[in-house]
């Protein structure tokens, strides 16, 4: 959606820092690495606690830098979003583990049980802190996960309340709902953001003075959740992630979870298709780690765990998901994830060598295009720096060579990149002979 300017205050941020310190026990001996695009709120708390900050630039350095920096910089805390950690783990050897204790702070997205188990395989001594919050409220819930924590739900709970914040669950009429009932999450606190910059109507809509006269306010998050009897909050996604299909309520996150459990599905996202003449339906977009999977097989496996009305109508295979700078899937881009080659000045020249064929296929997958010409300029095809990083990682993985990212980024066409790869392979061969 359209970005909103959120007015915060020192009062707001200092309270958030106190909660961070009380939860993580941050001290001047800690070393925090972060990959978030949101620089200020990621570093202000740790710096006020005296910790050292080690930022990484995934666009410039690639996902492989994470493992190196955790060891090299003796990182004690890693601040990231689940999607980045998930993609990082997919680059690791299945038997790679990190021996040193480390606290990983996960923010911004629901975390599935399946992904938690994958995290714990590679980080057996790590404690994961799953924070729930927003720029309007900062963090107001936390759940701690270590090697002994049992996960019984499909998704990791948002957890328990942080100091001086209360979660209320209300129905569409603003009335409280009971335990185990689904409602919109409303945060009550004295420590909310001031409001939205230049948007007084939106501020009045989302921020409401609490009727108690205590100085507390209510923030309507737009997220759905349910409260368990023991006080744990389970998040169920945005209100618009629950949709009626043929008269039945469907939770899109639940459909995605069942898809993710299928062996060979590397990543997936489900969206509602409102563009057809019939009733709304679901489209499933997937990246496969097992190319032999077929739609028939996937549909049959889903039919064993989902009711017929919750089955996606279409299954679309992608080479890469469209991710934003913060590492989240940009769902609005999925419908146009596969597009024809744009009209550009370069003549259409199909790949002529095995090297060009392989590199062109990588480009097409990352850029979401059906065809790439070997002389098509990367920028003219609509490429950006994040896609360039993914292409570089795929090329190095495919050909088994270490090439400086700057050299790969300088190759503006498939033909030029093929020459760079050929030169790197020749240099490797000569060094082995010598």
Protein backbone atom coordinates (compact mmCIF):
# COMPACT_ATOMS: atom_id res chain seq x y z
CA UNK A 1 0.00 0.00 0.00
CA UNK A 2 0.90 3.69 0.03
CA UNK A 3 3.47 4.57 2.66
CA UNK A 4 2.30 6.57 5.69
CA UNK A 5 4.42 8.98 7.69
CA UNK A 6 4.13 7.96 11.36
CA UNK A 7 4.91 10.55 14.02
CA UNK A 8 6.77 9.04 16.96
CA UNK A 9 8.10 10.70 20.11
CA UNK A 10 11.03 10.30 22.49
CA UNK A 11 8.52 9.17 25.11
CA UNK A 12 7.39 6.45 22.71
CA UNK A 13 10.89 5.29 21.71
CA UNK A 14 12.42 5.32 25.20
CA UNK A 15 9.65 3.09 26.48
CA UNK A 16 10.28 0.69 23.57
CA UNK A 17 13.99 0.69 24.44
CA UNK A 18 13.22 -0.19 28.05
CA UNK A 19 11.10 -3.13 26.90
CA UNK A 20 13.88 -4.28 24.55
CA UNK A 21 16.42 -4.13 27.39
CA UNK A 22 14.15 -5.98 29.82
CA UNK A 23 13.42 -8.70 27.27
CA UNK A 24 16.86 -9.29 25.72
CA UNK A 25 19.07 -8.15 28.66
CA UNK A 26 21.17 -6.14 26.19
CA UNK A 27 24.45 -4.81 27.59
CA UNK A 28 27.56 -3.07 26.30
CA UNK A 29 29.07 -6.53 25.65
CA UNK A 30 26.45 -7.38 23.03
CA UNK A 31 27.04 -7.23 19.28
CA UNK A 32 23.91 -6.88 17.16
CA UNK A 33 23.74 -7.52 13.43
CA UNK A 34 20.70 -6.30 11.57
CA UNK A 35 19.46 -6.61 8.00
CA UNK A 36 16.34 -4.48 8.30
CA UNK A 37 15.64 -1.71 5.81
CA UNK A 38 14.17 0.24 8.71
CA UNK A 39 17.48 1.61 9.99
CA UNK A 40 16.46 4.02 12.75
CA UNK A 41 14.08 1.92 14.84
CA UNK A 42 16.37 -1.12 14.43
CA UNK A 43 19.42 0.60 15.95
CA UNK A 44 18.19 3.26 18.37
CA UNK A 45 17.23 0.75 21.10
CA UNK A 46 20.47 -1.29 21.03
CA UNK A 47 22.60 1.87 20.93
CA UNK A 48 20.83 3.31 23.98
CA UNK A 49 21.58 0.00 25.74
CA UNK A 50 25.28 0.36 24.84
CA UNK A 51 25.46 -2.49 22.33
CA UNK A 52 27.63 -2.43 19.20
CA UNK A 53 25.87 -2.41 15.83
CA UNK A 54 26.98 -4.45 12.81
CA UNK A 55 24.76 -3.64 9.80
CA UNK A 56 24.82 -5.81 6.68
CA UNK A 57 23.78 -4.79 3.18
CA UNK A 58 22.14 -7.81 1.59
CA UNK A 59 21.76 -6.02 -1.73
CA UNK A 60 25.51 -5.54 -2.05
CA UNK A 61 26.84 -8.60 -0.22
CA UNK A 62 24.26 -11.34 -0.76
CA UNK A 63 22.71 -13.81 1.66
CA UNK A 64 25.92 -15.78 2.16
CA UNK A 65 27.41 -12.85 4.10
CA UNK A 66 25.12 -13.61 7.07
CA UNK A 67 26.89 -16.83 8.10
CA UNK A 68 30.33 -15.26 7.70
CA UNK A 69 29.47 -12.20 9.73
CA UNK A 70 27.81 -14.14 12.57
CA UNK A 71 31.11 -15.97 13.13
CA UNK A 72 33.54 -13.21 12.14
CA UNK A 73 31.95 -10.46 14.24
CA UNK A 74 30.99 -12.74 17.16
CA UNK A 75 27.36 -11.69 16.87
CA UNK A 76 25.25 -12.18 19.98
CA UNK A 77 21.97 -10.85 18.51
CA UNK A 78 20.64 -10.93 14.97
CA UNK A 79 17.73 -8.62 14.07
CA UNK A 80 15.86 -9.65 10.91
CA UNK A 81 12.51 -10.67 9.44
CA UNK A 82 11.44 -14.31 9.00
CA UNK A 83 11.55 -14.16 5.19
CA UNK A 84 15.21 -13.10 5.17
CA UNK A 85 16.14 -15.81 7.69
CA UNK A 86 14.19 -18.39 5.69
CA UNK A 87 15.97 -17.48 2.45
CA UNK A 88 19.33 -17.44 4.24
CA UNK A 89 18.75 -20.93 5.65
CA UNK A 90 17.92 -22.23 2.18
CA UNK A 91 21.51 -21.36 1.15
CA UNK A 92 23.07 -23.45 3.97
CA UNK A 93 24.37 -26.97 3.79
CA UNK A 94 21.74 -29.23 5.46
CA UNK A 95 24.29 -30.17 8.17
CA UNK A 96 25.56 -26.63 8.84
CA UNK A 97 25.01 -25.59 12.46
CA UNK A 98 26.06 -22.53 14.44
CA UNK A 99 27.71 -23.67 17.68
CA UNK A 100 27.72 -20.37 19.56
CA UNK A 101 24.67 -19.14 21.48
CA UNK A 102 22.90 -16.26 19.80
CA UNK A 103 19.59 -14.48 20.24
CA UNK A 104 17.68 -13.91 17.00
CA UNK A 105 15.03 -11.21 16.99
CA UNK A 106 12.33 -11.94 14.44
CA UNK A 107 9.86 -9.22 13.54
CA UNK A 108 7.31 -8.31 10.95
CA UNK A 109 5.62 -11.54 9.81
CA UNK A 110 3.87 -14.66 11.08
CA UNK A 111 6.32 -17.56 11.50
CA UNK A 112 5.17 -21.07 10.64
CA UNK A 113 5.99 -24.10 12.75
CA UNK A 114 7.70 -25.64 9.71
CA UNK A 115 10.11 -22.72 9.41
CA UNK A 116 10.78 -22.74 13.16
CA UNK A 117 11.94 -26.35 12.97
CA UNK A 118 14.26 -25.47 10.08
CA UNK A 119 15.69 -22.56 12.09
CA UNK A 120 16.35 -24.76 15.11
CA UNK A 121 18.15 -27.36 12.99
CA UNK A 122 20.83 -24.83 12.05
CA UNK A 123 20.74 -22.78 15.28
CA UNK A 124 20.44 -25.44 18.01
CA UNK A 125 21.74 -23.14 20.78
CA UNK A 126 19.83 -20.03 19.74
CA UNK A 127 16.87 -18.41 21.44
CA UNK A 128 14.38 -16.86 19.03
CA UNK A 129 12.39 -13.88 20.21
CA UNK A 130 9.29 -13.39 18.08
CA UNK A 131 8.13 -9.80 18.56
CA UNK A 132 4.73 -8.54 17.47
CA UNK A 133 4.31 -4.84 16.91
CA UNK A 134 4.05 -2.04 14.38
CA UNK A 135 5.42 1.44 13.82
CA UNK A 136 2.26 2.81 15.43
CA UNK A 137 2.63 0.76 18.62
CA UNK A 138 6.19 -0.60 18.41
CA UNK A 139 6.46 -4.03 20.06
CA UNK A 140 3.67 -5.11 22.40
CA UNK A 141 3.99 -8.93 22.47
CA UNK A 142 6.89 -11.39 22.56
CA UNK A 143 7.29 -15.16 22.44
CA UNK A 144 10.58 -16.91 23.24
CA UNK A 145 11.54 -20.11 21.42
CA UNK A 146 14.53 -22.35 22.13
CA UNK A 147 15.49 -25.96 21.38
CA UNK A 148 13.14 -27.28 24.08
CA UNK A 149 10.06 -25.20 23.27
CA UNK A 150 7.12 -27.24 22.03
CA UNK A 151 5.16 -25.76 19.12
CA UNK A 152 1.64 -27.15 18.90
CA UNK A 153 0.06 -24.61 16.52
CA UNK A 154 0.67 -24.14 12.81
CA UNK A 155 2.19 -20.73 13.56
CA UNK A 156 4.36 -19.43 16.35
CA UNK A 157 2.25 -17.54 18.92
CA UNK A 158 2.67 -13.79 19.18
CA UNK A 159 3.18 -14.56 22.84
CA UNK A 160 2.78 -12.60 26.03
CA UNK A 161 2.31 -8.94 26.87
CA UNK A 162 5.19 -6.51 27.25
CA UNK A 163 5.11 -3.95 30.05
CA UNK A 164 2.50 -1.16 29.92
CA UNK A 165 0.56 -2.47 26.94
CA UNK A 166 -2.67 -4.43 26.78
CA UNK A 167 -4.25 -6.30 23.90
CA UNK A 168 -8.01 -6.27 23.40
CA UNK A 169 -9.86 -8.38 20.83
CA UNK A 170 -13.07 -6.92 19.43
CA UNK A 171 -15.71 -7.94 16.91
CA UNK A 172 -16.73 -5.76 13.89
CA UNK A 173 -19.04 -3.79 16.21
CA UNK A 174 -16.22 -2.99 18.63
CA UNK A 175 -17.46 -5.39 21.31
CA UNK A 176 -14.99 -7.63 23.20
CA UNK A 177 -14.80 -11.30 22.18
CA UNK A 178 -14.15 -14.23 24.53
CA UNK A 179 -11.21 -16.62 24.86
CA UNK A 180 -10.51 -18.69 21.72
CA UNK A 181 -12.74 -16.37 19.68
CA UNK A 182 -11.40 -14.40 16.72
CA UNK A 183 -11.38 -10.60 16.85
CA UNK A 184 -9.47 -7.55 15.67
CA UNK A 185 -6.36 -6.82 17.74
CA UNK A 186 -6.55 -3.47 19.53
CA UNK A 187 -3.56 -2.19 21.56
CA UNK A 188 -4.21 -0.04 24.65
CA UNK A 189 -1.23 1.90 25.98
CA UNK A 190 0.12 5.32 26.98
CA UNK A 191 3.07 4.69 24.64
CA UNK A 192 1.56 4.78 21.15
CA UNK A 193 2.76 6.89 18.24
CA UNK A 194 1.42 10.43 17.99
CA UNK A 195 -0.39 9.70 14.72
CA UNK A 196 0.02 9.95 10.93
CA UNK A 197 1.80 12.88 9.33
CA UNK A 198 -0.63 15.13 7.47
CA UNK A 199 -3.49 12.62 7.81
CA UNK A 200 -5.73 13.77 10.67
CA UNK A 201 -8.71 11.72 9.45
CA UNK A 202 -6.68 8.50 9.41
CA UNK A 203 -5.23 9.34 12.82
CA UNK A 204 -8.72 9.76 14.28
CA UNK A 205 -9.82 6.51 12.65
CA UNK A 206 -6.93 4.41 13.99
CA UNK A 207 -6.14 6.10 17.34
CA UNK A 208 -8.91 6.52 19.91
CA UNK A 209 -8.73 7.95 23.43
CA UNK A 210 -9.46 5.26 26.03
CA UNK A 211 -12.67 5.97 27.96
CA UNK A 212 -10.91 5.59 31.33
CA UNK A 213 -9.35 9.08 31.21
CA UNK A 214 -5.97 7.60 32.21
CA UNK A 215 -4.07 9.05 29.26
CA UNK A 216 -4.12 5.69 27.50
CA UNK A 217 -5.18 5.43 23.88
CA UNK A 218 -6.39 2.59 21.66
CA UNK A 219 -4.75 1.66 18.36
CA UNK A 220 -6.82 -0.41 15.93
CA UNK A 221 -4.27 -2.64 14.19
CA UNK A 222 -6.41 -4.23 11.48
CA UNK A 223 -4.88 -7.61 12.45
CA UNK A 224 -6.92 -10.60 13.57
CA UNK A 225 -6.10 -12.83 16.52
CA UNK A 226 -7.45 -15.01 19.29
CA UNK A 227 -6.49 -15.17 22.96
CA UNK A 228 -5.81 -18.54 24.55
CA UNK A 229 -6.93 -19.13 28.15
CA UNK A 230 -3.31 -18.89 29.39
CA UNK A 231 -2.93 -15.37 27.95
CA UNK A 232 -1.02 -16.24 24.78
CA UNK A 233 -2.04 -14.32 21.69
CA UNK A 234 -2.32 -16.17 18.38
CA UNK A 235 -2.19 -13.94 15.30
CA UNK A 236 -4.29 -14.86 12.28
CA UNK A 237 -3.17 -12.30 9.74
CA UNK A 238 -4.82 -9.19 8.39
CA UNK A 239 -8.56 -8.85 8.24
CA UNK A 240 -8.30 -9.04 4.47
CA UNK A 241 -6.50 -12.40 4.76
CA UNK A 242 -9.80 -13.97 5.73
CA UNK A 243 -12.05 -14.27 2.71
CA UNK A 244 -15.35 -15.92 1.85
CA UNK A 245 -15.09 -18.53 -0.89
CA UNK A 246 -18.45 -19.94 -2.00
CA UNK A 247 -19.93 -18.80 1.31
CA UNK A 248 -17.25 -20.36 3.51
CA UNK A 249 -14.68 -18.46 5.59
CA UNK A 250 -11.11 -19.27 4.45
CA UNK A 251 -7.91 -18.19 6.22
CA UNK A 252 -5.29 -17.63 3.53
CA UNK A 253 -2.46 -18.27 5.99
CA UNK A 254 -3.82 -21.76 6.68
CA UNK A 255 -3.83 -22.57 2.96
CA UNK A 256 -0.25 -21.32 2.66
CA UNK A 257 0.81 -23.45 5.63
CA UNK A 258 -0.57 -26.61 4.01
CA UNK A 259 1.20 -25.74 0.77
CA UNK A 260 4.49 -25.14 2.60
CA UNK A 261 4.26 -28.58 4.24
CA UNK A 262 4.44 -30.30 0.84
CA UNK A 263 7.90 -31.73 0.28
CA UNK A 264 9.46 -29.88 -2.65
CA UNK A 265 7.65 -26.54 -2.21
CA UNK A 266 10.42 -24.07 -1.33
CA UNK A 267 8.21 -21.01 -0.83
CA UNK A 268 4.64 -20.07 -1.57
CA UNK A 269 2.01 -17.35 -1.35
CA UNK A 270 -1.75 -17.47 -1.85
CA UNK A 271 -3.78 -14.50 -3.01
CA UNK A 272 -7.45 -13.87 -3.71
CA UNK A 273 -8.40 -13.41 -7.36
CA UNK A 274 -11.28 -10.93 -7.68
CA UNK A 275 -10.83 -10.32 -11.40
CA UNK A 276 -12.96 -13.15 -12.70
CA UNK A 277 -16.65 -13.04 -13.45
CA UNK A 278 -17.43 -15.84 -11.00
CA UNK A 279 -17.07 -15.78 -7.22
CA UNK A 280 -13.64 -14.97 -5.71
CA UNK A 281 -11.10 -17.78 -5.89
CA UNK A 282 -7.56 -18.47 -4.69
CA UNK A 283 -4.37 -18.42 -6.73
CA UNK A 284 -1.29 -20.21 -5.36
CA UNK A 285 2.17 -18.99 -6.40
CA UNK A 286 5.04 -21.35 -5.68
CA UNK A 287 8.79 -21.71 -5.99
CA UNK A 288 9.69 -25.39 -6.26
CA UNK A 289 12.78 -27.02 -4.80
CA UNK A 290 11.78 -30.25 -6.55
CA UNK A 291 11.12 -29.63 -10.26
CA UNK A 292 9.31 -32.96 -10.74
CA UNK A 293 6.31 -31.76 -8.71
CA UNK A 294 3.19 -31.28 -10.81
CA UNK A 295 -0.05 -29.39 -10.26
CA UNK A 296 -1.90 -32.70 -10.21
CA UNK A 297 0.29 -34.01 -7.37
CA UNK A 298 0.08 -30.77 -5.37
CA UNK A 299 -3.69 -30.54 -5.75
CA UNK A 300 -4.10 -34.17 -4.62
CA UNK A 301 -1.93 -33.61 -1.54
CA UNK A 302 -3.84 -30.47 -0.58
CA UNK A 303 -7.17 -32.23 -1.02
CA UNK A 304 -6.20 -34.52 1.86
CA UNK A 305 -5.87 -31.62 4.32
CA UNK A 306 -8.14 -28.83 3.02
CA UNK A 307 -11.88 -28.73 2.26
CA UNK A 308 -12.77 -28.40 -1.45
CA UNK A 309 -13.73 -24.71 -1.20
CA UNK A 310 -10.28 -23.83 0.23
CA UNK A 311 -8.33 -25.43 -2.64
CA UNK A 312 -6.64 -22.88 -4.93
CA UNK A 313 -8.11 -22.72 -8.42
CA UNK A 314 -4.80 -21.91 -10.09
CA UNK A 315 -1.22 -22.97 -9.34
CA UNK A 316 1.51 -20.77 -10.80
CA UNK A 317 5.17 -21.78 -10.65
CA UNK A 318 7.78 -19.02 -10.28
CA UNK A 319 11.54 -19.11 -10.22
CA UNK A 320 11.64 -16.45 -7.50
CA UNK A 321 9.09 -14.68 -5.34
CA UNK A 322 8.88 -10.86 -5.64
CA UNK A 323 10.40 -9.55 -2.40
CA UNK A 324 10.50 -6.01 -1.09
CA UNK A 325 13.55 -4.34 0.53
CA UNK A 326 12.52 -5.61 3.98
CA UNK A 327 12.38 -9.21 2.75
CA UNK A 328 8.60 -9.59 2.63
CA UNK A 329 6.73 -11.00 -0.34
CA UNK A 330 5.08 -8.22 -2.36
CA UNK A 331 1.73 -9.89 -2.90
CA UNK A 332 0.45 -7.14 -5.18
CA UNK A 333 3.15 -8.11 -7.69
CA UNK A 334 2.27 -11.79 -7.85
CA UNK A 335 -0.50 -11.41 -10.43
CA UNK A 336 2.03 -9.88 -12.83
CA UNK A 337 4.97 -12.05 -11.76
CA UNK A 338 5.26 -13.62 -15.22
CA UNK A 339 5.25 -11.07 -18.03
CA UNK A 340 6.23 -10.96 -21.70
CA UNK A 341 9.49 -9.35 -22.78
CA UNK A 342 9.00 -5.58 -22.98
CA UNK A 343 9.48 -3.64 -26.20
CA UNK A 344 13.08 -2.42 -26.07
CA UNK A 345 15.56 -1.17 -28.63
CA UNK A 346 17.76 -4.28 -28.59
CA UNK A 347 17.06 -6.89 -31.26
CA UNK A 348 15.76 -10.19 -29.94
CA UNK A 349 18.67 -12.65 -30.08
CA UNK A 350 18.08 -16.03 -28.47
CA UNK A 351 20.87 -17.71 -26.41
CA UNK A 352 23.52 -19.28 -28.63
CA UNK A 353 25.67 -21.25 -26.16
CA UNK A 354 24.97 -23.43 -23.09
CA UNK A 355 26.37 -20.65 -20.89
CA UNK A 356 24.01 -18.08 -22.37
CA UNK A 357 21.07 -20.49 -22.15
CA UNK A 358 21.66 -21.10 -18.44
CA UNK A 359 22.18 -17.41 -17.59
CA UNK A 360 19.17 -16.33 -19.67
CA UNK A 361 17.01 -18.86 -17.80
CA UNK A 362 18.21 -17.39 -14.47
CA UNK A 363 17.43 -13.87 -15.65
CA UNK A 364 13.98 -14.89 -16.89
CA UNK A 365 13.17 -16.60 -13.59
CA UNK A 366 14.27 -13.70 -11.41
CA UNK A 367 12.72 -11.01 -13.62
CA UNK A 368 9.56 -13.07 -14.10
CA UNK A 369 9.69 -13.00 -17.91
CA UNK A 370 8.95 -15.66 -20.45
CA UNK A 371 11.89 -14.82 -22.76
CA UNK A 372 15.17 -12.93 -22.46
CA UNK A 373 17.42 -11.90 -25.36
CA UNK A 374 21.17 -12.10 -24.85
CA UNK A 375 21.63 -8.39 -25.72
CA UNK A 376 18.70 -7.08 -23.63
CA UNK A 377 20.00 -4.48 -21.12
CA UNK A 378 19.17 -5.41 -17.54
CA UNK A 379 17.76 -1.98 -16.65
CA UNK A 380 15.64 -1.85 -19.80
CA UNK A 381 14.04 -5.12 -18.68
CA UNK A 382 12.97 -3.40 -15.46
CA UNK A 383 15.62 -5.00 -13.24
CA UNK A 384 16.50 -3.56 -9.83
CA UNK A 385 19.33 -4.01 -7.34
CA UNK A 386 17.58 -6.75 -5.34
CA UNK A 387 17.01 -8.77 -8.51
CA UNK A 388 20.64 -8.22 -9.51
CA UNK A 389 21.70 -9.66 -6.15
CA UNK A 390 19.53 -12.75 -6.68
CA UNK A 391 20.84 -13.24 -10.21
CA UNK A 392 24.43 -13.00 -8.96
CA UNK A 393 23.77 -15.58 -6.23
CA UNK A 394 22.10 -17.96 -8.70
CA UNK A 395 24.92 -17.61 -11.27
CA UNK A 396 27.64 -18.29 -8.69
CA UNK A 397 25.71 -21.28 -7.36
CA UNK A 398 24.98 -22.67 -10.84
CA UNK A 399 28.57 -22.46 -12.13
CA UNK A 400 30.39 -23.04 -8.84
CA UNK A 401 32.60 -19.96 -9.12
CA UNK A 402 33.34 -17.03 -6.79
CA UNK A 403 32.94 -13.83 -8.79
CA UNK A 404 33.03 -10.36 -7.21
CA UNK A 405 29.51 -8.98 -7.17
CA UNK A 406 30.73 -5.75 -8.75
CA UNK A 407 31.85 -7.68 -11.86
CA UNK A 408 28.52 -9.47 -12.17
CA UNK A 409 26.58 -6.23 -11.62
CA UNK A 410 28.66 -4.53 -14.32
CA UNK A 411 27.54 -7.12 -16.87
CA UNK A 412 24.51 -5.36 -18.34
CA UNK A 413 23.41 -8.20 -20.65
CA UNK A 414 23.27 -11.99 -20.68
CA UNK A 415 26.03 -12.08 -23.29
CA UNK A 416 28.33 -9.92 -21.15
CA UNK A 417 27.63 -12.01 -18.04
CA UNK A 418 28.43 -15.20 -19.97
CA UNK A 419 31.86 -13.74 -20.81
CA UNK A 420 32.48 -12.89 -17.14
CA UNK A 421 31.58 -16.44 -16.07
CA UNK A 422 33.70 -17.98 -18.83
CA UNK A 423 36.69 -15.88 -17.76
CA UNK A 424 36.25 -16.85 -14.11
CA UNK A 425 36.07 -20.56 -14.98
CA UNK A 426 39.21 -20.27 -17.13
CA UNK A 427 41.09 -18.51 -14.30
CA UNK A 428 40.01 -21.24 -11.86
CA UNK A 429 41.19 -23.96 -14.25
CA UNK A 430 44.58 -22.25 -14.78
CA UNK A 431 45.12 -21.87 -11.04
CA UNK A 432 44.37 -25.56 -10.50
CA UNK A 433 46.89 -26.52 -13.21
CA UNK A 434 49.55 -24.26 -11.68
